[in-house]
Amino acid sequence: EIICLHIEKQIEAGADVIQIFDSWAGLLAKDDLDKYCYEPT
């Protein structure tokens, strides 16, 4: 919820492109990627 809000406010302020950093996605086992990495993003 808050990430969507934060990004929306950046776009309203003038951001033309957004990058989403999942810097620690590599900590997840393959079986957990869908629930914790893919789906939320």
PDB file of all heavy atoms in Angstrom:
ATOM      1  N   GLU A   1       0.833  -1.214   0.000  1.00  0.00           N
ATOM      2  CA  GLU A   1       0.000   0.000   0.000  1.00  0.00           C
ATOM      3  C   GLU A   1       0.869   1.266   0.000  1.00  0.00           C
ATOM      4  O   GLU A   1       0.657   2.189  -0.792  1.00  0.00           O
ATOM      5  CB  GLU A   1      -0.898  -0.027   1.249  1.00  0.00           C
ATOM      6  CG  GLU A   1      -1.646   1.258   1.533  1.00  0.00           C
ATOM      7  CD  GLU A   1      -2.064   1.365   3.000  1.00  0.00           C
ATOM      8  OE1 GLU A   1      -2.327   0.315   3.648  1.00  0.00           O
ATOM      9  OE2 GLU A   1      -2.114   2.494   3.506  1.00  0.00           O
ATOM     10  N   ILE A   2       1.862   1.297   0.879  1.00  0.00           N
ATOM     11  CA  ILE A   2       2.688   2.497   1.036  1.00  0.00           C
ATOM     12  C   ILE A   2       3.647   2.669  -0.140  1.00  0.00           C
ATOM     13  O   ILE A   2       3.907   3.806  -0.583  1.00  0.00           O
ATOM     14  CB  ILE A   2       3.450   2.461   2.376  1.00  0.00           C
ATOM     15  CG1 ILE A   2       2.463   2.605   3.544  1.00  0.00           C
ATOM     16  CG2 ILE A   2       4.512   3.551   2.446  1.00  0.00           C
ATOM     17  CD1 ILE A   2       1.724   3.950   3.606  1.00  0.00           C
ATOM     18  N   ILE A   3       4.170   1.579  -0.676  1.00  0.00           N
ATOM     19  CA  ILE A   3       5.051   1.674  -1.845  1.00  0.00           C
ATOM     20  C   ILE A   3       4.287   2.283  -3.021  1.00  0.00           C
ATOM     21  O   ILE A   3       4.803   3.164  -3.722  1.00  0.00           O
ATOM     22  CB  ILE A   3       5.631   0.290  -2.216  1.00  0.00           C
ATOM     23  CG1 ILE A   3       6.671  -0.142  -1.180  1.00  0.00           C
ATOM     24  CG2 ILE A   3       6.275   0.321  -3.610  1.00  0.00           C
ATOM     25  CD1 ILE A   3       7.076  -1.603  -1.272  1.00  0.00           C
ATOM     26  N   CYS A   4       3.055   1.827  -3.235  1.00  0.00           N
ATOM     27  CA  CYS A   4       2.235   2.395  -4.317  1.00  0.00           C
ATOM     28  C   CYS A   4       2.021   3.890  -4.104  1.00  0.00           C
ATOM     29  O   CYS A   4       2.149   4.691  -5.038  1.00  0.00           O
ATOM     30  CB  CYS A   4       0.892   1.682  -4.406  1.00  0.00           C
ATOM     31  SG  CYS A   4       0.984   0.032  -5.120  1.00  0.00           S
ATOM     32  N   LEU A   5       1.730   4.280  -2.872  1.00  0.00           N
ATOM     33  CA  LEU A   5       1.532   5.687  -2.547  1.00  0.00           C
ATOM     34  C   LEU A   5       2.816   6.482  -2.784  1.00  0.00           C
ATOM     35  O   LEU A   5       2.798   7.566  -3.394  1.00  0.00           O
ATOM     36  CB  LEU A   5       1.083   5.822  -1.089  1.00  0.00           C
ATOM     37  CG  LEU A   5       0.927   7.247  -0.544  1.00  0.00           C
ATOM     38  CD1 LEU A   5      -0.185   7.982  -1.276  1.00  0.00           C
ATOM     39  CD2 LEU A   5       0.654   7.215   0.955  1.00  0.00           C
ATOM     40  N   HIS A   6       3.931   5.952  -2.302  1.00  0.00           N
ATOM     41  CA  HIS A   6       5.233   6.611  -2.432  1.00  0.00           C
ATOM     42  C   HIS A   6       5.591   6.818  -3.912  1.00  0.00           C
ATOM     43  O   HIS A   6       6.062   7.889  -4.311  1.00  0.00           O
ATOM     44  CB  HIS A   6       6.281   5.750  -1.728  1.00  0.00           C
ATOM     45  CG  HIS A   6       7.648   6.353  -1.664  1.00  0.00           C
ATOM     46  ND1 HIS A   6       7.881   7.666  -1.320  1.00  0.00           N
ATOM     47  CD2 HIS A   6       8.882   5.811  -1.895  1.00  0.00           C
ATOM     48  CE1 HIS A   6       9.189   7.910  -1.341  1.00  0.00           C
ATOM     49  NE2 HIS A   6       9.804   6.810  -1.699  1.00  0.00           N
ATOM     50  N   ILE A   7       5.342   5.802  -4.715  1.00  0.00           N
ATOM     51  CA  ILE A   7       5.638   5.906  -6.151  1.00  0.00           C
ATOM     52  C   ILE A   7       4.698   6.911  -6.815  1.00  0.00           C
ATOM     53  O   ILE A   7       5.130   7.735  -7.634  1.00  0.00           O
ATOM     54  CB  ILE A   7       5.544   4.521  -6.824  1.00  0.00           C
ATOM     55  CG1 ILE A   7       6.709   3.629  -6.355  1.00  0.00           C
ATOM     56  CG2 ILE A   7       5.560   4.644  -8.345  1.00  0.00           C
ATOM     57  CD1 ILE A   7       6.635   2.189  -6.842  1.00  0.00           C
ATOM     58  N   GLU A   8       3.424   6.859  -6.471  1.00  0.00           N
ATOM     59  CA  GLU A   8       2.459   7.798  -7.050  1.00  0.00           C
ATOM     60  C   GLU A   8       2.857   9.243  -6.758  1.00  0.00           C
ATOM     61  O   GLU A   8       2.778  10.113  -7.632  1.00  0.00           O
ATOM     62  CB  GLU A   8       1.052   7.522  -6.509  1.00  0.00           C
ATOM     63  CG  GLU A   8       0.385   6.312  -7.147  1.00  0.00           C
ATOM     64  CD  GLU A   8      -1.061   6.143  -6.704  1.00  0.00           C
ATOM     65  OE1 GLU A   8      -1.571   7.037  -5.991  1.00  0.00           O
ATOM     66  OE2 GLU A   8      -1.670   5.142  -7.089  1.00  0.00           O
ATOM     67  N   LYS A   9       3.284   9.509  -5.526  1.00  0.00           N
ATOM     68  CA  LYS A   9       3.685  10.868  -5.158  1.00  0.00           C
ATOM     69  C   LYS A   9       4.948  11.302  -5.920  1.00  0.00           C
ATOM     70  O   LYS A   9       5.093  12.479  -6.273  1.00  0.00           O
ATOM     71  CB  LYS A   9       3.917  10.980  -3.648  1.00  0.00           C
ATOM     72  CG  LYS A   9       2.680  10.757  -2.788  1.00  0.00           C
ATOM     73  CD  LYS A   9       1.520  11.652  -3.150  1.00  0.00           C
ATOM     74  CE  LYS A   9       1.760  13.106  -2.815  1.00  0.00           C
ATOM     75  NZ  LYS A   9       0.579  13.959  -3.088  1.00  0.00           N
ATOM     76  N   GLN A  10       5.845  10.356  -6.178  1.00  0.00           N
ATOM     77  CA  GLN A  10       7.044  10.688  -6.960  1.00  0.00           C
ATOM     78  C   GLN A  10       6.665  11.023  -8.401  1.00  0.00           C
ATOM     79  O   GLN A  10       7.213  11.957  -9.004  1.00  0.00           O
ATOM     80  CB  GLN A  10       8.029   9.515  -6.930  1.00  0.00           C
ATOM     81  CG  GLN A  10       8.675   9.307  -5.563  1.00  0.00           C
ATOM     82  CD  GLN A  10       9.655   8.159  -5.566  1.00  0.00           C
ATOM     83  OE1 GLN A  10      10.752   8.268  -6.108  1.00  0.00           O
ATOM     84  NE2 GLN A  10       9.273   7.038  -4.966  1.00  0.00           N
ATOM     85  N   ILE A  11       5.712  10.263  -8.945  1.00  0.00           N
ATOM     86  CA  ILE A  11       5.251  10.529 -10.315  1.00  0.00           C
ATOM     87  C   ILE A  11       4.571  11.895 -10.390  1.00  0.00           C
ATOM     88  O   ILE A  11       4.823  12.683 -11.301  1.00  0.00           O
ATOM     89  CB  ILE A  11       4.309   9.404 -10.798  1.00  0.00           C
ATOM     90  CG1 ILE A  11       5.088   8.087 -10.938  1.00  0.00           C
ATOM     91  CG2 ILE A  11       3.652   9.770 -12.128  1.00  0.00           C
ATOM     92  CD1 ILE A  11       4.206   6.857 -11.133  1.00  0.00           C
ATOM     93  N   GLU A  12       3.729  12.181  -9.413  1.00  0.00           N
ATOM     94  CA  GLU A  12       3.050  13.487  -9.367  1.00  0.00           C
ATOM     95  C   GLU A  12       4.054  14.635  -9.272  1.00  0.00           C
ATOM     96  O   GLU A  12       3.830  15.719  -9.812  1.00  0.00           O
ATOM     97  CB  GLU A  12       2.091  13.539  -8.182  1.00  0.00           C
ATOM     98  CG  GLU A  12       0.832  12.716  -8.370  1.00  0.00           C
ATOM     99  CD  GLU A  12       0.001  12.622  -7.089  1.00  0.00           C
ATOM    100  OE1 GLU A  12       0.233  13.452  -6.174  1.00  0.00           O
ATOM    101  OE2 GLU A  12      -0.856  11.733  -7.004  1.00  0.00           O
ATOM    102  N   ALA A  13       5.177  14.379  -8.597  1.00  0.00           N
ATOM    103  CA  ALA A  13       6.201  15.415  -8.426  1.00  0.00           C
ATOM    104  C   ALA A  13       7.037  15.616  -9.689  1.00  0.00           C
ATOM    105  O   ALA A  13       7.733  16.630  -9.812  1.00  0.00           O
ATOM    106  CB  ALA A  13       7.113  15.062  -7.251  1.00  0.00           C
ATOM    107  N   GLY A  14       6.972  14.642 -10.611  1.00  0.00           N
ATOM    108  CA  GLY A  14       7.714  14.818 -11.863  1.00  0.00           C
ATOM    109  C   GLY A  14       8.570  13.642 -12.304  1.00  0.00           C
ATOM    110  O   GLY A  14       9.244  13.728 -13.330  1.00  0.00           O
ATOM    111  N   ALA A  15       8.574  12.550 -11.560  1.00  0.00           N
ATOM    112  CA  ALA A  15       9.356  11.378 -11.984  1.00  0.00           C
ATOM    113  C   ALA A  15       8.768  10.805 -13.267  1.00  0.00           C
ATOM    114  O   ALA A  15       7.562  10.624 -13.383  1.00  0.00           O
ATOM    115  CB  ALA A  15       9.373  10.324 -10.882  1.00  0.00           C
ATOM    116  N   ASP A  16       9.644  10.544 -14.249  1.00  0.00           N
ATOM    117  CA  ASP A  16       9.216  10.006 -15.548  1.00  0.00           C
ATOM    118  C   ASP A  16       9.381   8.494 -15.620  1.00  0.00           C
ATOM    119  O   ASP A  16       8.792   7.832 -16.475  1.00  0.00           O
ATOM    120  CB  ASP A  16      10.059  10.601 -16.674  1.00  0.00           C
ATOM    121  CG  ASP A  16      10.115  12.111 -16.618  1.00  0.00           C
ATOM    122  OD1 ASP A  16       9.124  12.737 -16.998  1.00  0.00           O
ATOM    123  OD2 ASP A  16      11.156  12.661 -16.197  1.00  0.00           O
ATOM    124  N   VAL A  17      10.243   7.950 -14.772  1.00  0.00           N
ATOM    125  CA  VAL A  17      10.560   6.523 -14.741  1.00  0.00           C
ATOM    126  C   VAL A  17      10.682   6.128 -13.273  1.00  0.00           C
ATOM    127  O   VAL A  17      11.120   6.928 -12.452  1.00  0.00           O
ATOM    128  CB  VAL A  17      11.900   6.223 -15.466  1.00  0.00           C
ATOM    129  CG1 VAL A  17      12.237   4.739 -15.412  1.00  0.00           C
ATOM    130  CG2 VAL A  17      11.874   6.712 -16.910  1.00  0.00           C
ATOM    131  N   ILE A  18      10.290   4.904 -12.951  1.00  0.00           N
ATOM    132  CA  ILE A  18      10.424   4.393 -11.579  1.00  0.00           C
ATOM    133  C   ILE A  18      11.227   3.101 -11.606  1.00  0.00           C
ATOM    134  O   ILE A  18      11.037   2.254 -12.478  1.00  0.00           O
ATOM    135  CB  ILE A  18       9.032   4.112 -10.953  1.00  0.00           C
ATOM    136  CG1 ILE A  18       8.229   5.414 -10.788  1.00  0.00           C
ATOM    137  CG2 ILE A  18       9.176   3.373  -9.618  1.00  0.00           C
ATOM    138  CD1 ILE A  18       8.772   6.394  -9.769  1.00  0.00           C
ATOM    139  N   GLN A  19      12.141   2.967 -10.653  1.00  0.00           N
ATOM    140  CA  GLN A  19      12.846   1.694 -10.495  1.00  0.00           C
ATOM    141  C   GLN A  19      12.474   1.093  -9.140  1.00  0.00           C
ATOM    142  O   GLN A  19      12.442   1.803  -8.127  1.00  0.00           O
ATOM    143  CB  GLN A  19      14.363   1.865 -10.574  1.00  0.00           C
ATOM    144  CG  GLN A  19      15.117   0.578 -10.220  1.00  0.00           C
ATOM    145  CD  GLN A  19      16.252   0.231 -11.164  1.00  0.00           C
ATOM    146  OE1 GLN A  19      16.300   0.702 -12.292  1.00  0.00           O
ATOM    147  NE2 GLN A  19      17.160  -0.594 -10.708  1.00  0.00           N
ATOM    148  N   ILE A  20      12.182  -0.208  -9.136  1.00  0.00           N
ATOM    149  CA  ILE A  20      11.880  -0.930  -7.898  1.00  0.00           C
ATOM    150  C   ILE A  20      13.056  -1.858  -7.593  1.00  0.00           C
ATOM    151  O   ILE A  20      13.368  -2.761  -8.371  1.00  0.00           O
ATOM    152  CB  ILE A  20      10.572  -1.733  -8.021  1.00  0.00           C
ATOM    153  CG1 ILE A  20       9.391  -0.776  -8.272  1.00  0.00           C
ATOM    154  CG2 ILE A  20      10.322  -2.544  -6.744  1.00  0.00           C
ATOM    155  CD1 ILE A  20       8.060  -1.471  -8.494  1.00  0.00           C
ATOM    156  N   PHE A  21      13.711  -1.589  -6.477  1.00  0.00           N
ATOM    157  CA  PHE A  21      14.906  -2.346  -6.085  1.00  0.00           C
ATOM    158  C   PHE A  21      14.534  -3.487  -5.148  1.00  0.00           C
ATOM    159  O   PHE A  21      14.113  -3.246  -4.020  1.00  0.00           O
ATOM    160  CB  PHE A  21      15.895  -1.428  -5.357  1.00  0.00           C
ATOM    161  CG  PHE A  21      16.578  -0.418  -6.231  1.00  0.00           C
ATOM    162  CD1 PHE A  21      16.014   0.829  -6.455  1.00  0.00           C
ATOM    163  CD2 PHE A  21      17.796  -0.703  -6.828  1.00  0.00           C
ATOM    164  CE1 PHE A  21      16.641   1.777  -7.251  1.00  0.00           C
ATOM    165  CE2 PHE A  21      18.444   0.225  -7.618  1.00  0.00           C
ATOM    166  CZ  PHE A  21      17.861   1.468  -7.839  1.00  0.00           C
ATOM    167  N   ASP A  22      14.691  -4.727  -5.614  1.00  0.00           N
ATOM    168  CA  ASP A  22      14.570  -5.873  -4.706  1.00  0.00           C
ATOM    169  C   ASP A  22      15.979  -6.393  -4.451  1.00  0.00           C
ATOM    170  O   ASP A  22      16.382  -7.461  -4.922  1.00  0.00           O
ATOM    171  CB  ASP A  22      13.658  -6.953  -5.303  1.00  0.00           C
ATOM    172  CG  ASP A  22      12.878  -7.689  -4.218  1.00  0.00           C
ATOM    173  OD1 ASP A  22      13.241  -7.543  -3.037  1.00  0.00           O
ATOM    174  OD2 ASP A  22      11.922  -8.416  -4.544  1.00  0.00           O
ATOM    175  N   SER A  23      16.721  -5.623  -3.685  1.00  0.00           N
ATOM    176  CA  SER A  23      18.158  -5.855  -3.499  1.00  0.00           C
ATOM    177  C   SER A  23      18.482  -7.189  -2.854  1.00  0.00           C
ATOM    178  O   SER A  23      19.577  -7.724  -3.035  1.00  0.00           O
ATOM    179  CB  SER A  23      18.750  -4.728  -2.645  1.00  0.00           C
ATOM    180  OG  SER A  23      18.361  -3.478  -3.153  1.00  0.00           O
ATOM    181  N   TRP A  24      17.524  -7.744  -2.072  1.00  0.00           N
ATOM    182  CA  TRP A  24      17.793  -8.993  -1.350  1.00  0.00           C
ATOM    183  C   TRP A  24      16.904 -10.147  -1.832  1.00  0.00           C
ATOM    184  O   TRP A  24      16.702 -11.115  -1.119  1.00  0.00           O
ATOM    185  CB  TRP A  24      17.645  -8.781   0.154  1.00  0.00           C
ATOM    186  CG  TRP A  24      18.640  -7.794   0.673  1.00  0.00           C
ATOM    187  CD1 TRP A  24      18.406  -6.537   1.125  1.00  0.00           C
ATOM    188  CD2 TRP A  24      20.064  -7.979   0.755  1.00  0.00           C
ATOM    189  NE1 TRP A  24      19.576  -5.917   1.487  1.00  0.00           N
ATOM    190  CE2 TRP A  24      20.614  -6.781   1.265  1.00  0.00           C
ATOM    191  CE3 TRP A  24      20.927  -9.034   0.431  1.00  0.00           C
ATOM    192  CZ2 TRP A  24      21.982  -6.610   1.466  1.00  0.00           C
ATOM    193  CZ3 TRP A  24      22.289  -8.859   0.638  1.00  0.00           C
ATOM    194  CH2 TRP A  24      22.798  -7.661   1.149  1.00  0.00           C
ATOM    195  N   ALA A  25      16.422 -10.042  -3.069  1.00  0.00           N
ATOM    196  CA  ALA A  25      15.623 -11.137  -3.638  1.00  0.00           C
ATOM    197  C   ALA A  25      16.426 -12.434  -3.691  1.00  0.00           C
ATOM    198  O   ALA A  25      15.875 -13.529  -3.569  1.00  0.00           O
ATOM    199  CB  ALA A  25      15.130 -10.760  -5.040  1.00  0.00           C
ATOM    200  N   GLY A  26      17.730 -12.307  -3.844  1.00  0.00           N
ATOM    201  CA  GLY A  26      18.599 -13.474  -3.940  1.00  0.00           C
ATOM    202  C   GLY A  26      18.678 -14.297  -2.661  1.00  0.00           C
ATOM    203  O   GLY A  26      19.209 -15.421  -2.676  1.00  0.00           O
ATOM    204  N   LEU A  27      18.148 -13.784  -1.558  1.00  0.00           N
ATOM    205  CA  LEU A  27      18.140 -14.551  -0.298  1.00  0.00           C
ATOM    206  C   LEU A  27      17.051 -15.620  -0.296  1.00  0.00           C
ATOM    207  O   LEU A  27      17.074 -16.535   0.537  1.00  0.00           O
ATOM    208  CB  LEU A  27      17.896 -13.610   0.885  1.00  0.00           C
ATOM    209  CG  LEU A  27      18.970 -12.553   1.169  1.00  0.00           C
ATOM    210  CD1 LEU A  27      18.483 -11.606   2.257  1.00  0.00           C
ATOM    211  CD2 LEU A  27      20.286 -13.201   1.569  1.00  0.00           C
ATOM    212  N   LEU A  28      16.099 -15.489  -1.195  1.00  0.00           N
ATOM    213  CA  LEU A  28      14.951 -16.400  -1.206  1.00  0.00           C
ATOM    214  C   LEU A  28      15.249 -17.691  -1.958  1.00  0.00           C
ATOM    215  O   LEU A  28      15.907 -17.684  -3.001  1.00  0.00           O
ATOM    216  CB  LEU A  28      13.749 -15.716  -1.864  1.00  0.00           C
ATOM    217  CG  LEU A  28      13.078 -14.611  -1.056  1.00  0.00           C
ATOM    218  CD1 LEU A  28      12.239 -13.711  -1.955  1.00  0.00           C
ATOM    219  CD2 LEU A  28      12.222 -15.207   0.063  1.00  0.00           C
ATOM    220  N   ALA A  29      14.740 -18.800  -1.401  1.00  0.00           N
ATOM    221  CA  ALA A  29      14.798 -20.071  -2.122  1.00  0.00           C
ATOM    222  C   ALA A  29      13.860 -19.990  -3.327  1.00  0.00           C
ATOM    223  O   ALA A  29      12.891 -19.215  -3.319  1.00  0.00           O
ATOM    224  CB  ALA A  29      14.370 -21.217  -1.203  1.00  0.00           C
ATOM    225  N   LYS A  30      14.125 -20.771  -4.340  1.00  0.00           N
ATOM    226  CA  LYS A  30      13.311 -20.730  -5.561  1.00  0.00           C
ATOM    227  C   LYS A  30      11.819 -20.891  -5.260  1.00  0.00           C
ATOM    228  O   LYS A  30      10.982 -20.189  -5.826  1.00  0.00           O
ATOM    229  CB  LYS A  30      13.777 -21.821  -6.530  1.00  0.00           C
ATOM    230  CG  LYS A  30      13.039 -21.803  -7.867  1.00  0.00           C
ATOM    231  CD  LYS A  30      13.599 -22.851  -8.810  1.00  0.00           C
ATOM    232  CE  LYS A  30      12.789 -22.926 -10.102  1.00  0.00           C
ATOM    233  NZ  LYS A  30      12.834 -21.711 -10.915  1.00  0.00           N
ATOM    234  N   ASP A  31      11.490 -21.802  -4.335  1.00  0.00           N
ATOM    235  CA  ASP A  31      10.078 -22.061  -4.013  1.00  0.00           C
ATOM    236  C   ASP A  31       9.393 -20.888  -3.320  1.00  0.00           C
ATOM    237  O   ASP A  31       8.163 -20.826  -3.263  1.00  0.00           O
ATOM    238  CB  ASP A  31       9.952 -23.314  -3.131  1.00  0.00           C
ATOM    239  CG  ASP A  31      10.272 -24.597  -3.896  1.00  0.00           C
ATOM    240  OD1 ASP A  31      10.340 -24.525  -5.144  1.00  0.00           O
ATOM    241  OD2 ASP A  31      10.458 -25.635  -3.249  1.00  0.00           O
ATOM    242  N   ASP A  32      10.176 -19.971  -2.765  1.00  0.00           N
ATOM    243  CA  ASP A  32       9.601 -18.826  -2.048  1.00  0.00           C
ATOM    244  C   ASP A  32       9.551 -17.556  -2.907  1.00  0.00           C
ATOM    245  O   ASP A  32       8.975 -16.547  -2.478  1.00  0.00           O
ATOM    246  CB  ASP A  32      10.417 -18.528  -0.783  1.00  0.00           C
ATOM    247  CG  ASP A  32      10.291 -19.643   0.250  1.00  0.00           C
ATOM    248  OD1 ASP A  32       9.168 -20.152   0.413  1.00  0.00           O
ATOM    249  OD2 ASP A  32      11.304 -19.986   0.876  1.00  0.00           O
ATOM    250  N   LEU A  33      10.154 -17.590  -4.091  1.00  0.00           N
ATOM    251  CA  LEU A  33      10.231 -16.385  -4.915  1.00  0.00           C
ATOM    252  C   LEU A  33       8.849 -15.873  -5.320  1.00  0.00           C
ATOM    253  O   LEU A  33       8.604 -14.671  -5.309  1.00  0.00           O
ATOM    254  CB  LEU A  33      11.076 -16.649  -6.170  1.00  0.00           C
ATOM    255  CG  LEU A  33      12.594 -16.621  -5.958  1.00  0.00           C
ATOM    256  CD1 LEU A  33      13.313 -17.185  -7.185  1.00  0.00           C
ATOM    257  CD2 LEU A  33      13.069 -15.200  -5.684  1.00  0.00           C
ATOM    258  N   ASP A  34       7.961 -16.775  -5.657  1.00  0.00           N
ATOM    259  CA  ASP A  34       6.649 -16.348  -6.137  1.00  0.00           C
ATOM    260  C   ASP A  34       5.906 -15.533  -5.073  1.00  0.00           C
ATOM    261  O   ASP A  34       5.410 -14.447  -5.349  1.00  0.00           O
ATOM    262  CB  ASP A  34       5.814 -17.561  -6.570  1.00  0.00           C
ATOM    263  CG  ASP A  34       4.535 -17.133  -7.270  1.00  0.00           C
ATOM    264  OD1 ASP A  34       4.629 -16.512  -8.342  1.00  0.00           O
ATOM    265  OD2 ASP A  34       3.442 -17.397  -6.740  1.00  0.00           O
ATOM    266  N   LYS A  35       5.856 -16.054  -3.854  1.00  0.00           N
ATOM    267  CA  LYS A  35       5.081 -15.406  -2.788  1.00  0.00           C
ATOM    268  C   LYS A  35       5.714 -14.102  -2.307  1.00  0.00           C
ATOM    269  O   LYS A  35       4.998 -13.125  -2.039  1.00  0.00           O
ATOM    270  CB  LYS A  35       4.913 -16.364  -1.598  1.00  0.00           C
ATOM    271  CG  LYS A  35       4.146 -15.739  -0.414  1.00  0.00           C
ATOM    272  CD  LYS A  35       3.859 -16.744   0.667  1.00  0.00           C
ATOM    273  CE  LYS A  35       3.259 -16.112   1.918  1.00  0.00           C
ATOM    274  NZ  LYS A  35       2.017 -15.386   1.716  1.00  0.00           N
ATOM    275  N   TYR A  36       7.026 -14.074  -2.196  1.00  0.00           N
ATOM    276  CA  TYR A  36       7.666 -12.927  -1.549  1.00  0.00           C
ATOM    277  C   TYR A  36       8.338 -11.939  -2.502  1.00  0.00           C
ATOM    278  O   TYR A  36       8.577 -10.790  -2.120  1.00  0.00           O
ATOM    279  CB  TYR A  36       8.687 -13.419  -0.524  1.00  0.00           C
ATOM    280  CG  TYR A  36       8.047 -14.254   0.559  1.00  0.00           C
ATOM    281  CD1 TYR A  36       8.232 -15.635   0.611  1.00  0.00           C
ATOM    282  CD2 TYR A  36       7.216 -13.660   1.507  1.00  0.00           C
ATOM    283  CE1 TYR A  36       7.620 -16.403   1.593  1.00  0.00           C
ATOM    284  CE2 TYR A  36       6.601 -14.418   2.487  1.00  0.00           C
ATOM    285  CZ  TYR A  36       6.801 -15.792   2.526  1.00  0.00           C
ATOM    286  OH  TYR A  36       6.185 -16.545   3.494  1.00  0.00           O
ATOM    287  N   CYS A  37       8.625 -12.383  -3.719  1.00  0.00           N
ATOM    288  CA  CYS A  37       9.278 -11.500  -4.688  1.00  0.00           C
ATOM    289  C   CYS A  37       8.347 -11.177  -5.852  1.00  0.00           C
ATOM    290  O   CYS A  37       8.002 -10.010  -6.076  1.00  0.00           O
ATOM    291  CB  CYS A  37      10.568 -12.151  -5.194  1.00  0.00           C
ATOM    292  SG  CYS A  37      11.389 -11.239  -6.526  1.00  0.00           S
ATOM    293  N   TYR A  38       7.911 -12.202  -6.589  1.00  0.00           N
ATOM    294  CA  TYR A  38       7.127 -11.946  -7.805  1.00  0.00           C
ATOM    295  C   TYR A  38       5.781 -11.282  -7.506  1.00  0.00           C
ATOM    296  O   TYR A  38       5.454 -10.240  -8.063  1.00  0.00           O
ATOM    297  CB  TYR A  38       6.861 -13.242  -8.575  1.00  0.00           C
ATOM    298  CG  TYR A  38       8.066 -14.062  -8.949  1.00  0.00           C
ATOM    299  CD1 TYR A  38       7.931 -15.418  -9.268  1.00  0.00           C
ATOM    300  CD2 TYR A  38       9.351 -13.510  -9.005  1.00  0.00           C
ATOM    301  CE1 TYR A  38       9.029 -16.195  -9.615  1.00  0.00           C
ATOM    302  CE2 TYR A  38      10.454 -14.278  -9.347  1.00  0.00           C
ATOM    303  CZ  TYR A  38      10.288 -15.629  -9.654  1.00  0.00           C
ATOM    304  OH  TYR A  38      11.365 -16.399  -9.997  1.00  0.00           O
ATOM    305  N   GLU A  39       4.978 -11.927  -6.649  1.00  0.00           N
ATOM    306  CA  GLU A  39       3.593 -11.474  -6.453  1.00  0.00           C
ATOM    307  C   GLU A  39       3.488 -10.063  -5.857  1.00  0.00           C
ATOM    308  O   GLU A  39       2.717  -9.238  -6.352  1.00  0.00           O
ATOM    309  CB  GLU A  39       2.798 -12.474  -5.607  1.00  0.00           C
ATOM    310  CG  GLU A  39       2.091 -13.541  -6.429  1.00  0.00           C
ATOM    311  CD  GLU A  39       1.194 -12.951  -7.523  1.00  0.00           C
ATOM    312  OE1 GLU A  39       0.221 -12.243  -7.193  1.00  0.00           O
ATOM    313  OE2 GLU A  39       1.479 -13.173  -8.709  1.00  0.00           O
ATOM    314  N   PRO A  40       4.238  -9.746  -4.783  1.00  0.00           N
ATOM    315  CA  PRO A  40       4.125  -8.384  -4.234  1.00  0.00           C
ATOM    316  C   PRO A  40       4.498  -7.306  -5.258  1.00  0.00           C
ATOM    317  O   PRO A  40       3.847  -6.265  -5.345  1.00  0.00           O
ATOM    318  CB  PRO A  40       5.107  -8.400  -3.053  1.00  0.00           C
ATOM    319  CG  PRO A  40       5.214  -9.830  -2.665  1.00  0.00           C
ATOM    320  CD  PRO A  40       5.116 -10.595  -3.945  1.00  0.00           C
ATOM    321  N   THR A  41       5.547  -7.580  -6.052  1.00  0.00           N
ATOM    322  CA  THR A  41       5.970  -6.596  -7.049  1.00  0.00           C
ATOM    323  C   THR A  41       4.968  -6.528  -8.192  1.00  0.00           C
ATOM    324  O   THR A  41       4.667  -5.441  -8.707  1.00  0.00           O
ATOM    325  CB  THR A  41       7.377  -6.929  -7.582  1.00  0.00           C
ATOM    326  OG1 THR A  41       8.267  -7.098  -6.473  1.00  0.00           O
ATOM    327  CG2 THR A  41       7.917  -5.817  -8.454  1.00  0.00           C
TER     328      THR A  41
END
